[in-house]
């Protein structure tokens, strides 16, 4: 049985936040020109936050953010890998994401 997009996105933030160099990770979906927090894991430390856009066909559909010391280039690679998954979760219809 394969995991669905939601499970894979949850796994992505969970794995990032479990690293020694990362306290928290989250994915924000773009909805009506604003960002809505989707899956997240760890303990937020906003002063250490780095985020990069998740693009699908040159359109920003989400942002992935981490609180820690993950290099932006590595985070961009993660964003590229999860773009198709974020497209599935792109419009939550204003409902809160179930973590």
PDB file of N, CA and C in Angstrom:
ATOM      1  N   UNK A   1       0.845  -1.178   0.000  1.00  0.00           N
ATOM      2  CA  UNK A   1       0.000   0.000   0.000  1.00  0.00           C
ATOM      3  C   UNK A   1       0.888   1.238   0.000  1.00  0.00           C
ATOM      4  N   UNK A   2       0.626   2.187  -0.891  1.00  0.00           N
ATOM      5  CA  UNK A   2       1.446   3.383  -0.960  1.00  0.00           C
ATOM      6  C   UNK A   2       0.809   4.515  -0.146  1.00  0.00           C
ATOM      7  N   UNK A   3       1.667   5.422   0.317  1.00  0.00           N
ATOM      8  CA  UNK A   3       1.212   6.558   1.114  1.00  0.00           C
ATOM      9  C   UNK A   3       0.579   7.604   0.200  1.00  0.00           C
ATOM     10  N   UNK A   4      -0.410   8.330   0.735  1.00  0.00           N
ATOM     11  CA  UNK A   4      -1.004   9.392  -0.062  1.00  0.00           C
ATOM     12  C   UNK A   4      -0.192  10.679   0.118  1.00  0.00           C
ATOM     13  N   UNK A   5      -0.534  11.708  -0.637  1.00  0.00           N
ATOM     14  CA  UNK A   5       0.217  12.963  -0.625  1.00  0.00           C
ATOM     15  C   UNK A   5       0.282  13.559   0.775  1.00  0.00           C
ATOM     16  N   UNK A   6      -0.826  13.556   1.509  1.00  0.00           N
ATOM     17  CA  UNK A   6      -0.840  14.115   2.860  1.00  0.00           C
ATOM     18  C   UNK A   6       0.164  13.400   3.758  1.00  0.00           C
ATOM     19  N   UNK A   7       0.175  12.068   3.698  1.00  0.00           N
ATOM     20  CA  UNK A   7       1.109  11.290   4.520  1.00  0.00           C
ATOM     21  C   UNK A   7       2.558  11.593   4.149  1.00  0.00           C
ATOM     22  N   UNK A   8       2.827  11.729   2.859  1.00  0.00           N
ATOM     23  CA  UNK A   8       4.189  12.007   2.418  1.00  0.00           C
ATOM     24  C   UNK A   8       4.640  13.404   2.847  1.00  0.00           C
ATOM     25  N   UNK A   9       3.725  14.383   2.823  1.00  0.00           N
ATOM     26  CA  UNK A   9       4.073  15.724   3.282  1.00  0.00           C
ATOM     27  C   UNK A   9       4.319  15.726   4.788  1.00  0.00           C
ATOM     28  N   UNK A  10       3.487  15.005   5.524  1.00  0.00           N
ATOM     29  CA  UNK A  10       3.712  14.884   6.974  1.00  0.00           C
ATOM     30  C   UNK A  10       5.065  14.236   7.258  1.00  0.00           C
ATOM     31  N   UNK A  11       5.392  13.214   6.503  1.00  0.00           N
ATOM     32  CA  UNK A  11       6.674  12.528   6.680  1.00  0.00           C
ATOM     33  C   UNK A  11       7.841  13.469   6.374  1.00  0.00           C
ATOM     34  N   UNK A  12       7.692  14.288   5.352  1.00  0.00           N
ATOM     35  CA  UNK A  12       8.748  15.230   4.982  1.00  0.00           C
ATOM     36  C   UNK A  12       9.057  16.186   6.127  1.00  0.00           C
ATOM     37  N   UNK A  13       8.015  16.813   6.706  1.00  0.00           N
ATOM     38  CA  UNK A  13       8.274  17.764   7.796  1.00  0.00           C
ATOM     39  C   UNK A  13       8.759  17.038   9.045  1.00  0.00           C
ATOM     40  N   UNK A  14       8.274  15.842   9.277  1.00  0.00           N
ATOM     41  CA  UNK A  14       8.711  15.066  10.434  1.00  0.00           C
ATOM     42  C   UNK A  14      10.193  14.715  10.325  1.00  0.00           C
ATOM     43  N   UNK A  15      10.614  14.281   9.158  1.00  0.00           N
ATOM     44  CA  UNK A  15      12.021  13.926   8.960  1.00  0.00           C
ATOM     45  C   UNK A  15      12.921  15.146   9.074  1.00  0.00           C
ATOM     46  N   UNK A  16      12.490  16.280   8.539  1.00  0.00           N
ATOM     47  CA  UNK A  16      13.296  17.502   8.654  1.00  0.00           C
ATOM     48  C   UNK A  16      13.431  17.933  10.107  1.00  0.00           C
ATOM     49  N   UNK A  17      12.322  17.941  10.836  1.00  0.00           N
ATOM     50  CA  UNK A  17      12.359  18.419  12.221  1.00  0.00           C
ATOM     51  C   UNK A  17      13.115  17.466  13.145  1.00  0.00           C
ATOM     52  N   UNK A  18      13.294  16.227  12.739  1.00  0.00           N
ATOM     53  CA  UNK A  18      14.011  15.245  13.554  1.00  0.00           C
ATOM     54  C   UNK A  18      15.529  15.388  13.438  1.00  0.00           C
ATOM     55  N   UNK A  19      15.983  16.179  12.487  1.00  0.00           N
ATOM     56  CA  UNK A  19      17.424  16.369  12.318  1.00  0.00           C
ATOM     57  C   UNK A  19      17.997  17.197  13.454  1.00  0.00           C
ATOM     58  N   UNK A  20      19.261  16.966  13.765  1.00  0.00           N
ATOM     59  CA  UNK A  20      19.930  17.726  14.827  1.00  0.00           C
ATOM     60  C   UNK A  20      19.977  19.216  14.521  1.00  0.00           C
ATOM     61  N   UNK A  21      20.054  19.570  13.239  1.00  0.00           N
ATOM     62  CA  UNK A  21      20.191  20.967  12.847  1.00  0.00           C
ATOM     63  C   UNK A  21      18.848  21.650  12.564  1.00  0.00           C
ATOM     64  N   UNK A  22      17.747  21.037  13.008  1.00  0.00           N
ATOM     65  CA  UNK A  22      16.416  21.593  12.725  1.00  0.00           C
ATOM     66  C   UNK A  22      15.473  21.350  13.899  1.00  0.00           C
ATOM     67  N   UNK A  23      14.831  22.423  14.371  1.00  0.00           N
ATOM     68  CA  UNK A  23      13.900  22.317  15.499  1.00  0.00           C
ATOM     69  C   UNK A  23      12.456  22.142  15.045  1.00  0.00           C
ATOM     70  N   UNK A  24      12.112  22.684  13.868  1.00  0.00           N
ATOM     71  CA  UNK A  24      10.723  22.693  13.396  1.00  0.00           C
ATOM     72  C   UNK A  24      10.726  22.750  11.881  1.00  0.00           C
ATOM     73  N   UNK A  25       9.707  22.170  11.270  1.00  0.00           N
ATOM     74  CA  UNK A  25       9.517  22.261   9.818  1.00  0.00           C
ATOM     75  C   UNK A  25       8.025  22.340   9.536  1.00  0.00           C
ATOM     76  N   UNK A  26       7.670  23.100   8.527  1.00  0.00           N
ATOM     77  CA  UNK A  26       6.270  23.230   8.151  1.00  0.00           C
ATOM     78  C   UNK A  26       6.112  23.568   6.686  1.00  0.00           C
ATOM     79  N   UNK A  27       4.942  23.284   6.170  1.00  0.00           N
ATOM     80  CA  UNK A  27       4.607  23.621   4.792  1.00  0.00           C
ATOM     81  C   UNK A  27       3.398  24.546   4.819  1.00  0.00           C
ATOM     82  N   UNK A  28       3.543  25.677   4.162  1.00  0.00           N
ATOM     83  CA  UNK A  28       2.461  26.651   4.032  1.00  0.00           C
ATOM     84  C   UNK A  28       1.930  26.584   2.605  1.00  0.00           C
ATOM     85  N   UNK A  29       0.618  26.451   2.461  1.00  0.00           N
ATOM     86  CA  UNK A  29      -0.001  26.438   1.145  1.00  0.00           C
ATOM     87  C   UNK A  29      -0.467  27.839   0.776  1.00  0.00           C
ATOM     88  N   UNK A  30      -0.328  28.195  -0.491  1.00  0.00           N
ATOM     89  CA  UNK A  30      -0.796  29.484  -0.983  1.00  0.00           C
ATOM     90  C   UNK A  30      -2.290  29.380  -1.248  1.00  0.00           C
ATOM     91  N   UNK A  31      -3.057  30.238  -0.589  1.00  0.00           N
ATOM     92  CA  UNK A  31      -4.502  30.305  -0.801  1.00  0.00           C
ATOM     93  C   UNK A  31      -4.925  31.760  -0.841  1.00  0.00           C
ATOM     94  N   UNK A  32      -5.492  32.165  -1.954  1.00  0.00           N
ATOM     95  CA  UNK A  32      -5.969  33.536  -2.116  1.00  0.00           C
ATOM     96  C   UNK A  32      -4.917  34.550  -1.705  1.00  0.00           C
ATOM     97  N   UNK A  33      -3.706  34.423  -2.230  1.00  0.00           N
ATOM     98  CA  UNK A  33      -2.601  35.349  -1.982  1.00  0.00           C
ATOM     99  C   UNK A  33      -2.132  35.394  -0.535  1.00  0.00           C
ATOM    100  N   UNK A  34      -2.470  34.392   0.264  1.00  0.00           N
ATOM    101  CA  UNK A  34      -1.933  34.310   1.620  1.00  0.00           C
ATOM    102  C   UNK A  34      -1.406  32.899   1.843  1.00  0.00           C
ATOM    103  N   UNK A  35      -0.675  32.731   2.928  1.00  0.00           N
ATOM    104  CA  UNK A  35      -0.116  31.425   3.252  1.00  0.00           C
ATOM    105  C   UNK A  35      -0.878  30.811   4.410  1.00  0.00           C
ATOM    106  N   UNK A  36      -1.260  29.541   4.249  1.00  0.00           N
ATOM    107  CA  UNK A  36      -2.005  28.806   5.268  1.00  0.00           C
ATOM    108  C   UNK A  36      -1.141  27.616   5.691  1.00  0.00           C
ATOM    109  N   UNK A  37      -0.872  27.528   6.991  1.00  0.00           N
ATOM    110  CA  UNK A  37      -0.019  26.454   7.489  1.00  0.00           C
ATOM    111  C   UNK A  37      -0.684  25.099   7.305  1.00  0.00           C
ATOM    112  N   UNK A  38       0.066  24.200   6.710  1.00  0.00           N
ATOM    113  CA  UNK A  38      -0.367  22.821   6.536  1.00  0.00           C
ATOM    114  C   UNK A  38       0.350  21.940   7.540  1.00  0.00           C
ATOM    115  N   UNK A  39       0.949  20.854   7.080  1.00  0.00           N
ATOM    116  CA  UNK A  39       1.616  19.956   8.015  1.00  0.00           C
ATOM    117  C   UNK A  39       2.832  20.616   8.648  1.00  0.00           C
ATOM    118  N   UNK A  40       3.039  20.304   9.927  1.00  0.00           N
ATOM    119  CA  UNK A  40       4.186  20.839  10.636  1.00  0.00           C
ATOM    120  C   UNK A  40       4.641  19.810  11.665  1.00  0.00           C
ATOM    121  N   UNK A  41       5.892  19.922  12.072  1.00  0.00           N
ATOM    122  CA  UNK A  41       6.432  19.009  13.074  1.00  0.00           C
ATOM    123  C   UNK A  41       7.556  19.707  13.820  1.00  0.00           C
ATOM    124  N   UNK A  42       7.716  19.344  15.083  1.00  0.00           N
ATOM    125  CA  UNK A  42       8.786  19.903  15.891  1.00  0.00           C
ATOM    126  C   UNK A  42       8.308  21.064  16.742  1.00  0.00           C
ATOM    127  N   UNK A  43       9.275  21.773  17.294  1.00  0.00           N
ATOM    128  CA  UNK A  43       9.004  22.911  18.175  1.00  0.00           C
ATOM    129  C   UNK A  43       9.455  24.193  17.474  1.00  0.00           C
ATOM    130  N   UNK A  44       8.524  25.108  17.160  1.00  0.00           N
ATOM    131  CA  UNK A  44       8.879  26.322  16.434  1.00  0.00           C
ATOM    132  C   UNK A  44       9.928  27.179  17.166  1.00  0.00           C
ATOM    133  N   UNK A  45      10.833  27.743  16.381  1.00  0.00           N
ATOM    134  CA  UNK A  45      11.848  28.694  16.833  1.00  0.00           C
ATOM    135  C   UNK A  45      11.983  29.732  15.721  1.00  0.00           C
ATOM    136  N   UNK A  46      10.957  30.605  15.562  1.00  0.00           N
ATOM    137  CA  UNK A  46      10.867  31.504  14.408  1.00  0.00           C
ATOM    138  C   UNK A  46      12.092  32.375  14.141  1.00  0.00           C
ATOM    139  N   UNK A  47      12.891  32.650  15.150  1.00  0.00           N
ATOM    140  CA  UNK A  47      14.083  33.473  14.936  1.00  0.00           C
ATOM    141  C   UNK A  47      15.113  32.757  14.066  1.00  0.00           C
ATOM    142  N   UNK A  48      14.988  31.460  13.921  1.00  0.00           N
ATOM    143  CA  UNK A  48      15.916  30.664  13.109  1.00  0.00           C
ATOM    144  C   UNK A  48      15.289  30.228  11.787  1.00  0.00           C
ATOM    145  N   UNK A  49      14.175  30.837  11.406  1.00  0.00           N
ATOM    146  CA  UNK A  49      13.384  30.369  10.257  1.00  0.00           C
ATOM    147  C   UNK A  49      14.012  30.729   8.914  1.00  0.00           C
ATOM    148  N   UNK A  50      13.989  29.729   8.053  1.00  0.00           N
ATOM    149  CA  UNK A  50      14.361  29.869   6.648  1.00  0.00           C
ATOM    150  C   UNK A  50      13.224  29.267   5.845  1.00  0.00           C
ATOM    151  N   UNK A  51      12.837  29.922   4.761  1.00  0.00           N
ATOM    152  CA  UNK A  51      11.785  29.336   3.931  1.00  0.00           C
ATOM    153  C   UNK A  51      12.116  29.534   2.459  1.00  0.00           C
ATOM    154  N   UNK A  52      11.614  28.628   1.658  1.00  0.00           N
ATOM    155  CA  UNK A  52      11.758  28.718   0.204  1.00  0.00           C
ATOM    156  C   UNK A  52      10.410  28.401  -0.438  1.00  0.00           C
ATOM    157  N   UNK A  53      10.212  28.954  -1.596  1.00  0.00           N
ATOM    158  CA  UNK A  53       8.975  28.711  -2.335  1.00  0.00           C
ATOM    159  C   UNK A  53       8.970  27.316  -2.939  1.00  0.00           C
ATOM    160  N   UNK A  54       7.787  26.734  -2.979  1.00  0.00           N
ATOM    161  CA  UNK A  54       7.564  25.478  -3.693  1.00  0.00           C
ATOM    162  C   UNK A  54       6.837  25.867  -4.974  1.00  0.00           C
ATOM    163  N   UNK A  55       7.468  25.571  -6.101  1.00  0.00           N
ATOM    164  CA  UNK A  55       6.921  25.979  -7.397  1.00  0.00           C
ATOM    165  C   UNK A  55       6.424  24.770  -8.168  1.00  0.00           C
ATOM    166  N   UNK A  56       5.330  24.985  -8.871  1.00  0.00           N
ATOM    167  CA  UNK A  56       4.822  23.998  -9.808  1.00  0.00           C
ATOM    168  C   UNK A  56       4.558  24.737 -11.106  1.00  0.00           C
ATOM    169  N   UNK A  57       5.319  24.388 -12.146  1.00  0.00           N
ATOM    170  CA  UNK A  57       5.231  25.077 -13.442  1.00  0.00           C
ATOM    171  C   UNK A  57       5.363  26.586 -13.263  1.00  0.00           C
ATOM    172  N   UNK A  58       6.373  26.982 -12.531  1.00  0.00           N
ATOM    173  CA  UNK A  58       6.714  28.387 -12.277  1.00  0.00           C
ATOM    174  C   UNK A  58       5.671  29.160 -11.472  1.00  0.00           C
ATOM    175  N   UNK A  59       4.754  28.473 -10.839  1.00  0.00           N
ATOM    176  CA  UNK A  59       3.749  29.109  -9.987  1.00  0.00           C
ATOM    177  C   UNK A  59       4.005  28.709  -8.545  1.00  0.00           C
ATOM    178  N   UNK A  60       4.080  29.695  -7.663  1.00  0.00           N
ATOM    179  CA  UNK A  60       4.283  29.401  -6.245  1.00  0.00           C
ATOM    180  C   UNK A  60       2.994  28.831  -5.676  1.00  0.00           C
ATOM    181  N   UNK A  61       3.064  27.573  -5.229  1.00  0.00           N
ATOM    182  CA  UNK A  61       1.882  26.913  -4.675  1.00  0.00           C
ATOM    183  C   UNK A  61       2.012  26.690  -3.170  1.00  0.00           C
ATOM    184  N   UNK A  62       3.242  26.821  -2.658  1.00  0.00           N
ATOM    185  CA  UNK A  62       3.474  26.582  -1.237  1.00  0.00           C
ATOM    186  C   UNK A  62       4.827  27.165  -0.853  1.00  0.00           C
ATOM    187  N   UNK A  63       5.102  27.121   0.437  1.00  0.00           N
ATOM    188  CA  UNK A  63       6.433  27.422   0.957  1.00  0.00           C
ATOM    189  C   UNK A  63       6.773  26.358   1.976  1.00  0.00           C
ATOM    190  N   UNK A  64       8.020  25.949   1.965  1.00  0.00           N
ATOM    191  CA  UNK A  64       8.492  25.044   3.006  1.00  0.00           C
ATOM    192  C   UNK A  64       9.413  25.858   3.901  1.00  0.00           C
ATOM    193  N   UNK A  65       9.199  25.731   5.197  1.00  0.00           N
ATOM    194  CA  UNK A  65       9.955  26.516   6.165  1.00  0.00           C
ATOM    195  C   UNK A  65      10.576  25.591   7.201  1.00  0.00           C
ATOM    196  N   UNK A  66      11.767  25.961   7.664  1.00  0.00           N
ATOM    197  CA  UNK A  66      12.436  25.226   8.734  1.00  0.00           C
ATOM    198  C   UNK A  66      13.018  26.221   9.725  1.00  0.00           C
ATOM    199  N   UNK A  67      13.042  25.827  10.968  1.00  0.00           N
ATOM    200  CA  UNK A  67      13.711  26.595  12.009  1.00  0.00           C
ATOM    201  C   UNK A  67      14.962  25.817  12.369  1.00  0.00           C
ATOM    202  N   UNK A  68      16.081  26.251  11.827  1.00  0.00           N
ATOM    203  CA  UNK A  68      17.323  25.539  12.067  1.00  0.00           C
ATOM    204  C   UNK A  68      18.410  25.987  11.120  1.00  0.00           C
ATOM    205  N   UNK A  69      19.361  25.102  10.887  1.00  0.00           N
ATOM    206  CA  UNK A  69      20.539  25.437  10.088  1.00  0.00           C
ATOM    207  C   UNK A  69      20.623  24.633   8.800  1.00  0.00           C
ATOM    208  N   UNK A  70      19.511  24.379   8.175  1.00  0.00           N
ATOM    209  CA  UNK A  70      19.512  23.663   6.898  1.00  0.00           C
ATOM    210  C   UNK A  70      19.814  24.677   5.797  1.00  0.00           C
ATOM    211  N   UNK A  71      20.760  24.333   4.952  1.00  0.00           N
ATOM    212  CA  UNK A  71      21.161  25.224   3.864  1.00  0.00           C
ATOM    213  C   UNK A  71      19.997  25.468   2.903  1.00  0.00           C
ATOM    214  N   UNK A  72      19.833  26.714   2.443  1.00  0.00           N
ATOM    215  CA  UNK A  72      18.750  27.008   1.495  1.00  0.00           C
ATOM    216  C   UNK A  72      18.772  26.119   0.252  1.00  0.00           C
ATOM    217  N   UNK A  73      19.950  25.792  -0.253  1.00  0.00           N
ATOM    218  CA  UNK A  73      20.026  24.936  -1.446  1.00  0.00           C
ATOM    219  C   UNK A  73      19.435  23.555  -1.170  1.00  0.00           C
ATOM    220  N   UNK A  74      19.685  23.017   0.029  1.00  0.00           N
ATOM    221  CA  UNK A  74      19.114  21.720   0.396  1.00  0.00           C
ATOM    222  C   UNK A  74      17.599  21.830   0.533  1.00  0.00           C
ATOM    223  N   UNK A  75      17.133  22.928   1.113  1.00  0.00           N
ATOM    224  CA  UNK A  75      15.697  23.149   1.264  1.00  0.00           C
ATOM    225  C   UNK A  75      15.030  23.314  -0.098  1.00  0.00           C
ATOM    226  N   UNK A  76      15.711  23.966  -1.038  1.00  0.00           N
ATOM    227  CA  UNK A  76      15.182  24.111  -2.394  1.00  0.00           C
ATOM    228  C   UNK A  76      15.040  22.746  -3.065  1.00  0.00           C
ATOM    229  N   UNK A  77      15.977  21.841  -2.811  1.00  0.00           N
ATOM    230  CA  UNK A  77      15.889  20.496  -3.376  1.00  0.00           C
ATOM    231  C   UNK A  77      14.682  19.754  -2.799  1.00  0.00           C
ATOM    232  N   UNK A  78      14.433  19.929  -1.502  1.00  0.00           N
ATOM    233  CA  UNK A  78      13.255  19.317  -0.887  1.00  0.00           C
ATOM    234  C   UNK A  78      11.991  19.906  -1.515  1.00  0.00           C
ATOM    235  N   UNK A  79      11.968  21.227  -1.674  1.00  0.00           N
ATOM    236  CA  UNK A  79      10.808  21.898  -2.265  1.00  0.00           C
ATOM    237  C   UNK A  79      10.511  21.357  -3.665  1.00  0.00           C
ATOM    238  N   UNK A  80      11.557  21.112  -4.423  1.00  0.00           N
ATOM    239  CA  UNK A  80      11.388  20.571  -5.770  1.00  0.00           C
ATOM    240  C   UNK A  80      10.782  19.161  -5.728  1.00  0.00           C
ATOM    241  N   UNK A  81      11.245  18.351  -4.774  1.00  0.00           N
ATOM    242  CA  UNK A  81      10.746  16.972  -4.662  1.00  0.00           C
ATOM    243  C   UNK A  81       9.288  16.896  -4.218  1.00  0.00           C
ATOM    244  N   UNK A  82       8.823  17.886  -3.445  1.00  0.00           N
ATOM    245  CA  UNK A  82       7.454  17.808  -2.919  1.00  0.00           C
ATOM    246  C   UNK A  82       6.452  18.650  -3.695  1.00  0.00           C
ATOM    247  N   UNK A  83       6.874  19.288  -4.773  1.00  0.00           N
ATOM    248  CA  UNK A  83       5.978  20.194  -5.511  1.00  0.00           C
ATOM    249  C   UNK A  83       4.693  19.498  -5.952  1.00  0.00           C
ATOM    250  N   UNK A  84       4.801  18.317  -6.544  1.00  0.00           N
ATOM    251  CA  UNK A  84       3.597  17.615  -6.989  1.00  0.00           C
ATOM    252  C   UNK A  84       2.691  17.262  -5.812  1.00  0.00           C
ATOM    253  N   UNK A  85       3.295  16.904  -4.676  1.00  0.00           N
ATOM    254  CA  UNK A  85       2.511  16.571  -3.486  1.00  0.00           C
ATOM    255  C   UNK A  85       1.780  17.804  -2.957  1.00  0.00           C
ATOM    256  N   UNK A  86       2.462  18.946  -2.986  1.00  0.00           N
ATOM    257  CA  UNK A  86       1.842  20.188  -2.508  1.00  0.00           C
ATOM    258  C   UNK A  86       0.694  20.614  -3.411  1.00  0.00           C
ATOM    259  N   UNK A  87       0.804  20.300  -4.681  1.00  0.00           N
ATOM    260  CA  UNK A  87      -0.272  20.647  -5.606  1.00  0.00           C
ATOM    261  C   UNK A  87      -1.570  19.971  -5.195  1.00  0.00           C
ATOM    262  N   UNK A  88      -1.481  18.738  -4.723  1.00  0.00           N
ATOM    263  CA  UNK A  88      -2.661  18.002  -4.265  1.00  0.00           C
ATOM    264  C   UNK A  88      -3.271  18.690  -3.042  1.00  0.00           C
ATOM    265  N   UNK A  89      -2.416  19.177  -2.141  1.00  0.00           N
ATOM    266  CA  UNK A  89      -2.891  19.829  -0.929  1.00  0.00           C
ATOM    267  C   UNK A  89      -3.046  21.325  -1.057  1.00  0.00           C
ATOM    268  N   UNK A  90      -2.875  21.846  -2.264  1.00  0.00           N
ATOM    269  CA  UNK A  90      -2.820  23.275  -2.500  1.00  0.00           C
ATOM    270  C   UNK A  90      -4.009  24.026  -1.927  1.00  0.00           C
ATOM    271  N   UNK A  91      -5.210  23.618  -2.239  1.00  0.00           N
ATOM    272  CA  UNK A  91      -6.395  24.351  -1.773  1.00  0.00           C
ATOM    273  C   UNK A  91      -7.093  23.556  -0.681  1.00  0.00           C
ATOM    274  N   UNK A  92      -6.930  24.015   0.538  1.00  0.00           N
ATOM    275  CA  UNK A  92      -7.585  23.332   1.659  1.00  0.00           C
ATOM    276  C   UNK A  92      -9.019  23.842   1.851  1.00  0.00           C
ATOM    277  N   UNK A  93      -9.420  24.771   1.000  1.00  0.00           N
ATOM    278  CA  UNK A  93     -10.786  25.282   1.093  1.00  0.00           C
ATOM    279  C   UNK A  93     -11.057  26.023   2.395  1.00  0.00           C
ATOM    280  N   UNK A  94      -9.989  26.577   2.978  1.00  0.00           N
ATOM    281  CA  UNK A  94     -10.145  27.327   4.214  1.00  0.00           C
ATOM    282  C   UNK A  94     -10.232  26.467   5.465  1.00  0.00           C
ATOM    283  N   UNK A  95     -10.198  25.136   5.286  1.00  0.00           N
ATOM    284  CA  UNK A  95     -10.258  24.245   6.448  1.00  0.00           C
ATOM    285  C   UNK A  95      -8.858  24.027   7.005  1.00  0.00           C
ATOM    286  N   UNK A  96      -8.761  23.856   8.315  1.00  0.00           N
ATOM    287  CA  UNK A  96      -7.479  23.613   8.945  1.00  0.00           C
ATOM    288  C   UNK A  96      -6.930  22.277   8.512  1.00  0.00           C
ATOM    289  N   UNK A  97      -5.612  22.238   8.319  1.00  0.00           N
ATOM    290  CA  UNK A  97      -4.926  21.008   7.956  1.00  0.00           C
ATOM    291  C   UNK A  97      -4.923  20.093   9.169  1.00  0.00           C
ATOM    292  N   UNK A  98      -5.192  18.830   8.947  1.00  0.00           N
ATOM    293  CA  UNK A  98      -5.187  17.852  10.044  1.00  0.00           C
ATOM    294  C   UNK A  98      -3.808  17.214  10.123  1.00  0.00           C
ATOM    295  N   UNK A  99      -3.023  17.589  11.123  1.00  0.00           N
ATOM    296  CA  UNK A  99      -1.665  17.036  11.281  1.00  0.00           C
ATOM    297  C   UNK A  99      -1.721  15.685  11.953  1.00  0.00           C
TER     298      UNK A  99
END
